[in-house]
Protein backbone atom coordinates (compact mmCIF):
# COMPACT_ATOMS: atom_id res chain seq x y z
CA UNK A 1 111.25 127.63 97.58
CA UNK A 2 114.14 126.45 95.39
CA UNK A 3 114.32 122.67 95.58
CA UNK A 4 116.69 120.08 94.18
CA UNK A 5 115.47 120.02 90.60
CA UNK A 6 115.97 123.81 90.34
CA UNK A 7 119.33 124.18 92.03
CA UNK A 8 121.59 123.70 89.02
CA UNK A 9 119.84 126.56 87.22
CA UNK A 10 120.15 129.09 90.04
CA UNK A 11 123.21 130.69 91.58
CA UNK A 12 122.88 130.83 95.35
CA UNK A 13 125.28 132.98 97.34
CA UNK A 14 125.71 134.43 100.82
CA UNK A 15 122.67 134.52 103.09
CA UNK A 16 120.40 133.13 100.35
CA UNK A 17 122.48 129.96 100.19
CA UNK A 18 122.69 129.76 103.98
CA UNK A 19 118.91 130.05 104.35
CA UNK A 20 118.38 127.58 101.53
CA UNK A 21 120.41 125.01 103.44
CA UNK A 22 118.66 125.78 106.70
CA UNK A 23 115.17 125.51 105.24
CA UNK A 24 115.96 122.18 103.64
CA UNK A 25 117.23 120.93 106.99
CA UNK A 26 114.00 122.08 108.61
CA UNK A 27 111.92 120.22 106.02
CA UNK A 28 114.04 117.11 106.59
CA UNK A 29 113.62 117.38 110.37
CA UNK A 30 109.86 117.75 110.10
CA UNK A 31 109.67 114.81 107.70
CA UNK A 32 111.47 112.57 110.18
CA UNK A 33 109.97 113.97 113.41
CA UNK A 34 106.39 114.81 112.38
CA UNK A 35 106.19 117.96 114.55
CA UNK A 36 108.75 120.19 116.26
CA UNK A 37 108.73 123.57 118.01
CA UNK A 38 110.77 126.54 116.82
CA UNK A 39 113.04 126.10 119.83
CA UNK A 40 113.69 122.43 119.04
CA UNK A 41 114.36 123.24 115.39
CA UNK A 42 116.72 126.07 116.33
CA UNK A 43 118.77 123.75 118.54
CA UNK A 44 118.96 121.06 115.86
CA UNK A 45 120.12 123.39 113.07
CA UNK A 46 122.21 125.67 115.29
CA UNK A 47 120.33 128.97 115.04
CA UNK A 48 118.59 131.30 117.50
CA UNK A 49 114.88 130.99 118.19
CA UNK A 50 114.08 134.26 116.32
CA UNK A 51 115.98 132.97 113.27
CA UNK A 52 114.17 129.65 113.53
CA UNK A 53 110.81 131.44 113.69
CA UNK A 54 111.76 133.59 110.70
CA UNK A 55 112.70 130.55 108.62
CA UNK A 56 109.49 128.77 109.61
CA UNK A 57 107.48 131.84 108.59
CA UNK A 58 109.14 131.82 105.17
CA UNK A 59 108.36 128.11 104.76
CA UNK A 60 104.79 128.80 105.88
CA UNK A 61 104.46 131.62 103.34
CA UNK A 62 105.68 129.16 100.70
CA UNK A 63 102.89 126.75 101.80
CA UNK A 64 105.38 124.04 102.80
CA UNK A 65 104.99 124.20 106.59
CA UNK A 66 102.01 124.80 108.87
CA UNK A 67 101.35 125.14 112.59
CA UNK A 68 100.14 121.88 114.09
CA UNK A 69 98.82 123.01 117.45
CA UNK A 70 100.44 123.31 120.87
CA UNK A 71 103.12 120.94 122.12
CA UNK A 72 103.71 119.62 125.66
CA UNK A 73 105.20 121.97 128.23
CA UNK A 74 108.80 121.48 129.35
CA UNK A 75 108.64 123.87 132.29
CA UNK A 76 107.37 127.05 130.65
CA UNK A 77 104.71 128.06 128.17
CA UNK A 78 103.49 125.29 125.93
CA UNK A 79 105.16 125.87 122.55
CA UNK A 80 103.58 126.07 119.11
CA UNK A 81 104.65 123.07 117.02
CA UNK A 82 105.11 122.92 113.27
CA UNK A 83 104.80 120.20 110.65
CA UNK A 84 104.87 119.74 106.91
CA UNK A 85 101.75 121.00 105.17
CA UNK A 86 99.85 117.88 104.19
CA UNK A 87 99.12 118.88 100.61
CA UNK A 88 102.35 120.76 99.93
CA UNK A 89 104.91 118.13 98.93
CA UNK A 90 104.26 114.88 97.09
CA UNK A 91 106.47 112.27 95.46
CA UNK A 92 105.66 109.51 92.98
CA UNK A 93 106.90 105.98 93.66
CA UNK A 94 106.76 103.16 91.16
CA UNK A 95 107.79 99.52 91.46
CA UNK A 96 108.11 97.03 88.62
CA UNK A 97 107.80 93.28 88.69
CA UNK A 98 108.60 91.01 85.77
CA UNK A 99 105.25 91.60 84.08
CA UNK A 100 103.47 94.35 86.03
CA UNK A 101 104.03 97.76 87.55
CA UNK A 102 102.42 99.67 90.38
CA UNK A 103 102.51 103.35 91.19
CA UNK A 104 101.50 105.52 94.12
CA UNK A 105 101.57 109.22 94.99
CA UNK A 106 102.74 109.87 98.58
CA UNK A 107 102.62 112.98 100.74
CA UNK A 108 105.20 114.17 103.27
CA UNK A 109 103.73 111.86 105.90
CA UNK A 110 104.29 108.79 103.70
CA UNK A 111 100.55 108.50 103.13
CA UNK A 112 98.99 107.59 99.81
CA UNK A 113 97.00 110.31 98.08
CA UNK A 114 95.03 107.56 96.30
CA UNK A 115 95.09 103.76 96.18
CA UNK A 116 98.08 102.18 94.44
CA UNK A 117 97.45 101.64 90.72
CA UNK A 118 98.62 98.48 88.95
CA UNK A 119 99.25 98.15 85.22
CA UNK A 120 100.82 95.77 82.70
CA UNK A 121 104.41 96.53 81.75
CA UNK A 122 108.01 95.31 82.08
CA UNK A 123 111.49 96.80 82.12
CA UNK A 124 111.81 96.43 78.32
CA UNK A 125 108.54 98.21 77.60
CA UNK A 126 109.25 101.17 75.29
CA UNK A 127 106.15 102.88 76.66
CA UNK A 128 107.06 102.34 80.32
CA UNK A 129 107.66 106.00 81.21
CA UNK A 130 104.58 107.11 79.28
CA UNK A 131 102.44 104.58 81.15
CA UNK A 132 103.74 105.75 84.51
CA UNK A 133 103.16 109.38 83.53
CA UNK A 134 99.58 108.66 82.44
CA UNK A 135 98.78 106.82 85.68
CA UNK A 136 100.16 109.69 87.74
CA UNK A 137 98.26 112.24 85.66
CA UNK A 138 95.02 110.35 86.32
CA UNK A 139 95.67 110.37 90.09
CA UNK A 140 96.53 114.07 90.02
CA UNK A 141 93.30 114.87 88.17
CA UNK A 142 91.11 112.69 90.37
CA UNK A 143 92.54 113.96 93.67
CA UNK A 144 93.00 117.54 92.43
CA UNK A 145 96.66 117.63 93.36
CA UNK A 146 98.64 120.64 92.19
CA UNK A 147 101.19 119.17 89.72
CA UNK A 148 103.73 121.70 91.04
CA UNK A 149 103.45 120.00 94.45
CA UNK A 150 105.00 116.83 93.04
CA UNK A 151 108.73 117.23 93.54
CA UNK A 152 110.18 113.80 92.81
CA UNK A 153 109.62 110.56 90.92
CA UNK A 154 111.28 107.27 91.84
CA UNK A 155 111.24 103.79 90.39
CA UNK A 156 112.35 100.43 91.78
CA UNK A 157 112.91 97.80 89.11
CA UNK A 158 114.49 94.37 88.58
CA UNK A 159 117.91 94.17 86.99
CA UNK A 160 121.45 95.46 87.28
CA UNK A 161 120.67 99.04 88.21
CA UNK A 162 123.34 101.74 88.53
CA UNK A 163 121.80 103.93 91.22
CA UNK A 164 124.21 106.83 90.58
CA UNK A 165 123.50 107.13 86.87
CA UNK A 166 119.97 105.71 86.89
CA UNK A 167 120.86 103.11 84.27
CA UNK A 168 119.40 99.59 84.17
CA UNK A 169 121.91 97.41 82.34
CA UNK A 170 119.48 94.48 82.18
CA UNK A 171 117.17 96.31 79.76
CA UNK A 172 117.75 94.75 76.35
CA UNK A 173 117.58 97.87 74.18
CA UNK A 174 120.54 100.12 74.91
CA UNK A 175 118.55 103.25 74.05
CA UNK A 176 116.13 102.44 76.90
CA UNK A 177 118.71 101.64 79.58
CA UNK A 178 119.10 105.19 80.89
CA UNK A 179 115.84 105.17 82.83
CA UNK A 180 116.66 108.29 84.85
CA UNK A 181 117.21 110.40 81.75
CA UNK A 182 113.96 109.18 80.20
CA UNK A 183 112.05 109.99 83.39
CA UNK A 184 113.61 113.44 83.80
CA UNK A 185 112.73 114.27 80.20
CA UNK A 186 109.10 113.32 80.76
CA UNK A 187 108.47 114.48 84.33
CA UNK A 188 111.00 117.31 84.71
CA UNK A 189 111.37 116.44 88.42
CA UNK A 190 113.96 115.02 90.78
CA UNK A 191 114.37 111.37 89.69
CA UNK A 192 115.63 108.33 91.60
CA UNK A 193 116.15 104.83 90.16
CA UNK A 194 117.27 101.70 92.01
CA UNK A 195 116.90 97.92 92.13
CA UNK A 196 113.59 96.61 93.45
CA UNK A 197 115.07 94.26 96.07
CA UNK A 198 117.22 97.06 97.52
CA UNK A 199 114.23 99.38 97.77
CA UNK A 200 112.20 96.65 99.45
CA UNK A 201 115.02 96.19 101.94
CA UNK A 202 115.11 99.93 102.58
CA UNK A 203 111.34 100.02 103.03
CA UNK A 204 111.52 97.19 105.56
CA UNK A 205 114.39 98.97 107.33
CA UNK A 206 112.59 102.31 107.63
CA UNK A 207 109.02 101.13 108.13
CA UNK A 208 108.82 97.35 108.44
CA UNK A 209 110.23 94.16 109.93
CA UNK A 210 113.87 95.28 109.65
CA UNK A 211 113.29 98.49 111.63
CA UNK A 212 115.73 98.57 114.53
CA UNK A 213 117.97 95.89 112.98
CA UNK A 214 121.43 96.97 111.89
CA UNK A 215 122.17 93.89 109.78
CA UNK A 216 119.27 92.51 107.77
CA UNK A 217 118.70 90.46 104.63
CA UNK A 218 115.45 90.93 102.71
CA UNK A 219 114.52 88.38 100.02
CA UNK A 220 112.12 89.34 97.25
CA UNK A 221 110.81 85.92 96.14
CA UNK A 222 108.84 86.18 92.92
CA UNK A 223 109.70 85.25 89.32
CA UNK A 224 113.27 85.75 90.42
CA UNK A 225 114.90 86.09 93.83
CA UNK A 226 116.27 89.51 94.67
CA UNK A 227 118.22 90.16 97.84
CA UNK A 228 118.51 93.50 99.61
CA UNK A 229 120.98 94.06 102.42
CA UNK A 230 121.18 96.41 105.37
CA UNK A 231 124.73 96.22 106.73
CA UNK A 232 125.82 98.25 109.76
CA UNK A 233 122.59 100.21 109.52
CA UNK A 234 123.09 101.23 105.90
CA UNK A 235 121.65 100.05 102.60
CA UNK A 236 124.36 98.07 100.84
CA UNK A 237 124.75 98.29 97.08
CA UNK A 238 128.25 96.94 96.46
CA UNK A 239 131.27 98.38 94.66
CA UNK A 240 129.46 98.93 91.35
CA UNK A 241 125.90 99.00 92.67
CA UNK A 242 124.94 95.47 91.65
CA UNK A 243 124.96 93.63 94.98
CA UNK A 244 122.10 91.25 95.75
CA UNK A 245 121.62 89.23 92.57
CA UNK A 246 120.50 86.22 94.60
CA UNK A 247 118.69 84.66 91.62
CA UNK A 248 121.94 84.05 89.82
CA UNK A 249 123.93 82.42 92.58
CA UNK A 250 125.29 79.16 91.20
CA UNK A 251 123.27 76.31 92.70
CA UNK A 252 123.70 73.29 90.41
CA UNK A 253 126.72 72.45 88.28
CA UNK A 254 124.69 71.08 85.38
CA UNK A 255 121.28 72.63 85.93
CA UNK A 256 118.62 74.18 83.74
CA UNK A 257 119.30 77.18 81.54
CA UNK A 258 118.53 80.47 83.30
CA UNK A 259 117.24 83.63 81.63
CA UNK A 260 120.67 85.16 82.33
CA UNK A 261 122.22 82.68 79.90
CA UNK A 262 124.00 80.54 82.49
CA UNK A 263 123.01 77.15 83.89
CA UNK A 264 122.13 76.06 87.39
CA UNK A 265 121.24 79.45 88.93
CA UNK A 266 119.15 79.46 92.10
CA UNK A 267 116.29 80.90 90.06
CA UNK A 268 116.11 77.71 87.99
CA UNK A 269 115.20 75.62 91.06
CA UNK A 270 113.15 77.95 93.26
CA UNK A 271 111.37 80.76 91.39
CA UNK A 272 107.66 81.24 90.78
CA UNK A 273 108.18 79.94 87.26
CA UNK A 274 109.65 76.71 88.64
CA UNK A 275 106.78 76.22 91.07
CA UNK A 276 104.18 76.65 88.34
CA UNK A 277 106.06 74.52 85.80
CA UNK A 278 106.51 71.64 88.23
CA UNK A 279 102.85 71.81 89.23
CA UNK A 280 101.80 71.79 85.59
CA UNK A 281 104.02 68.79 84.83
CA UNK A 282 102.62 66.90 87.81
CA UNK A 283 99.02 67.57 86.75
CA UNK A 284 99.70 66.36 83.21
CA UNK A 285 101.15 63.14 84.67
CA UNK A 286 98.04 62.63 86.78
CA UNK A 287 99.80 63.05 90.13
CA UNK A 288 97.46 62.59 93.07
CA UNK A 289 96.75 66.15 94.14
CA UNK A 290 93.95 68.66 94.57
CA UNK A 291 95.69 70.59 91.81
CA UNK A 292 95.13 67.71 89.38
CA UNK A 293 91.47 67.57 90.32
CA UNK A 294 91.00 71.31 89.88
CA UNK A 295 93.25 72.06 86.90
CA UNK A 296 93.41 68.92 84.70
CA UNK A 297 93.12 70.09 81.11
CA UNK A 298 93.67 73.76 82.00
CA UNK A 299 97.13 73.67 83.51
CA UNK A 300 98.01 77.06 82.01
CA UNK A 301 95.61 78.73 84.45
CA UNK A 302 97.40 77.64 87.63
CA UNK A 303 98.98 80.31 89.84
CA UNK A 304 101.22 80.29 92.89
CA UNK A 305 98.22 81.33 94.97
CA UNK A 306 96.47 78.13 93.84
CA UNK A 307 99.41 76.03 95.00
CA UNK A 308 99.47 77.89 98.33
CA UNK A 309 95.77 77.30 98.82
CA UNK A 310 96.17 73.60 98.08
CA UNK A 311 98.99 73.36 100.64
CA UNK A 312 96.78 75.01 103.25
CA UNK A 313 94.13 72.39 102.52
CA UNK A 314 96.68 69.68 103.30
CA UNK A 315 97.62 68.73 99.72
CA UNK A 316 100.74 66.60 100.08
CA UNK A 317 102.12 67.32 96.62
CA UNK A 318 101.87 71.11 97.13
CA UNK A 319 103.43 70.92 100.59
CA UNK A 320 106.31 68.85 99.24
CA UNK A 321 106.74 71.26 96.33
CA UNK A 322 107.19 74.20 98.70
CA UNK A 323 109.47 72.03 100.80
CA UNK A 324 111.72 71.41 97.80
CA UNK A 325 112.09 75.06 96.75
CA UNK A 326 112.33 76.15 100.38
CA UNK A 327 115.25 73.79 101.00
CA UNK A 328 117.07 75.21 98.00
CA UNK A 329 116.57 78.80 99.15
CA UNK A 330 117.60 77.84 102.69
CA UNK A 331 120.85 76.33 101.45
CA UNK A 332 121.65 79.51 99.52
CA UNK A 333 120.74 81.65 102.53
CA UNK A 334 123.04 79.57 104.73
CA UNK A 335 125.95 80.80 102.61
CA UNK A 336 124.72 84.40 102.93
CA UNK A 337 124.40 84.02 106.71
CA UNK A 338 127.96 82.76 107.07
CA UNK A 339 129.28 85.58 104.89
CA UNK A 340 127.23 88.47 106.28
CA UNK A 341 126.16 87.41 109.79
CA UNK A 342 122.74 89.14 109.75
CA UNK A 343 120.45 89.30 112.76
CA UNK A 344 117.24 88.97 110.72
CA UNK A 345 116.13 87.55 107.37
CA UNK A 346 112.84 88.80 105.96
CA UNK A 347 110.97 86.98 103.20
CA UNK A 348 108.73 88.93 100.84
CA UNK A 349 107.23 88.34 97.43
CA UNK A 350 104.43 86.08 96.21
CA UNK A 351 106.01 82.86 97.45
CA UNK A 352 106.30 84.22 101.00
CA UNK A 353 102.52 83.85 101.15
CA UNK A 354 103.13 80.12 101.68
CA UNK A 355 104.37 81.06 105.17
CA UNK A 356 105.19 77.95 107.25
CA UNK A 357 105.34 75.77 104.14
CA UNK A 358 108.48 77.64 103.06
CA UNK A 359 109.67 78.90 106.46
CA UNK A 360 110.08 75.41 107.93
CA UNK A 361 112.14 73.90 105.07
CA UNK A 362 114.23 77.07 104.83
CA UNK A 363 115.00 76.93 108.55
CA UNK A 364 115.81 73.20 108.38
CA UNK A 365 118.14 73.80 105.44
CA UNK A 366 119.87 76.68 107.23
CA UNK A 367 120.33 74.46 110.29
CA UNK A 368 121.84 71.76 108.08
CA UNK A 369 124.23 73.92 106.09
CA UNK A 370 125.18 76.74 108.48
CA UNK A 371 127.30 76.85 111.62
CA UNK A 372 124.97 77.05 114.62
CA UNK A 373 127.11 79.70 116.30
CA UNK A 374 126.41 82.02 113.36
CA UNK A 375 122.82 81.07 112.49
CA UNK A 376 121.48 80.39 115.99
CA UNK A 377 120.32 83.94 116.71
CA UNK A 378 119.11 84.85 113.22
CA UNK A 379 115.39 85.61 113.05
CA UNK A 380 113.56 84.29 109.99
CA UNK A 381 110.26 86.11 109.37
CA UNK A 382 107.67 86.84 106.71
CA UNK A 383 107.15 90.48 105.77
CA UNK A 384 103.69 91.68 106.74
CA UNK A 385 103.67 94.39 104.08
CA UNK A 386 105.93 93.20 101.28
CA UNK A 387 103.56 94.47 98.58
CA UNK A 388 104.17 98.04 99.79
CA UNK A 389 107.76 97.83 101.03
CA UNK A 390 109.36 98.64 97.67
CA UNK A 391 107.13 101.65 97.15
CA UNK A 392 107.73 102.82 100.71
CA UNK A 393 111.49 102.38 100.40
CA UNK A 394 111.49 104.41 97.19
CA UNK A 395 109.34 107.07 98.86
CA UNK A 396 111.69 107.37 101.84
CA UNK A 397 114.70 107.58 99.55
CA UNK A 398 113.05 110.27 97.43
CA UNK A 399 112.34 112.44 100.46
CA UNK A 400 115.89 111.87 101.69
CA UNK A 401 117.24 113.07 98.34
CA UNK A 402 114.78 115.92 98.16
CA UNK A 403 115.59 117.30 101.61
CA UNK A 404 119.31 116.49 101.71
CA UNK A 405 121.90 119.24 101.95
CA UNK A 406 123.69 119.27 98.61
CA UNK A 407 126.54 121.44 99.88
CA UNK A 408 128.27 119.35 102.57
């Protein structure tokens, strides 16, 4: 079958074009509905049952669709139902953090073909695309996946990402900024590039805690603080595609220097780096804490997970540290609540692992700084699957692009 990456090289006319559109709609329906009968598909795409059966046969001959048994009866014979062939269509999803990347290969049922692979990299890594390619190649070899069955590659990454052009303007070297072009050159597949926080928000909206919520804020709390938004049931990117730079909201008039070059950004008072730095400084001063006992003389080894564990053990310094950064994030979220009026806020990222030690100060800060009429019904929750939400959001977006009708 001709799919998205081939379309610009092929002239489709008449019935060929019509059937191309119909078959892509069928694939999209099966992706979203798991299984459907020929009658159900015919009604949804506006064709007769014989035409529906004919299209399904063509997709079956192309090894994209298979029969999935017999469906429930609705008054007559129980119908044969169809679904995507499990090993027929795969996409590659990658998500970058500040210092690491992870990649997974997903089938048409959003299931991993192999465990997610993690590797060292960053957005400025000249070998980024090569590293992703090599990791995917290893998965393909190990799981004996037909490379021709991989139809799309997507990447979620920090920075000012132009989703339309696939350009990350935060990458320092201008020659590396066009990520989409670099990926297309290497993979020769459909390519999708977006900001990591937006893809995490989309993953939570489709599969996670934001499912069923029309107005949601998702915070990616790691070395920076990204913010993804679902507004009126749609992923919001802003006028130029750069919405959600929560890290660089002005928080202090005369604060510390941020990596963006400005002073007093929210990131300078609440990021992972701040948590670790403040813990290290306290240990060097001999502050009474389990962290001092465990890390005196080797402060460079401390991690956020260590601070979380100390808080769980009742360490007062660690609890107060999370209280301080939580209050700052809560104050910033109070502004977002009053501007956007969401019904749920979802926390993800490494720091969200502190759970009640950040939830409580965030909620108290929201209560202090936000009008109760606006904030009173807002749910504040921790994502149960934040480590996968960005990959899942990218996967869902890839399949949406892959199966979309390009000729509206």
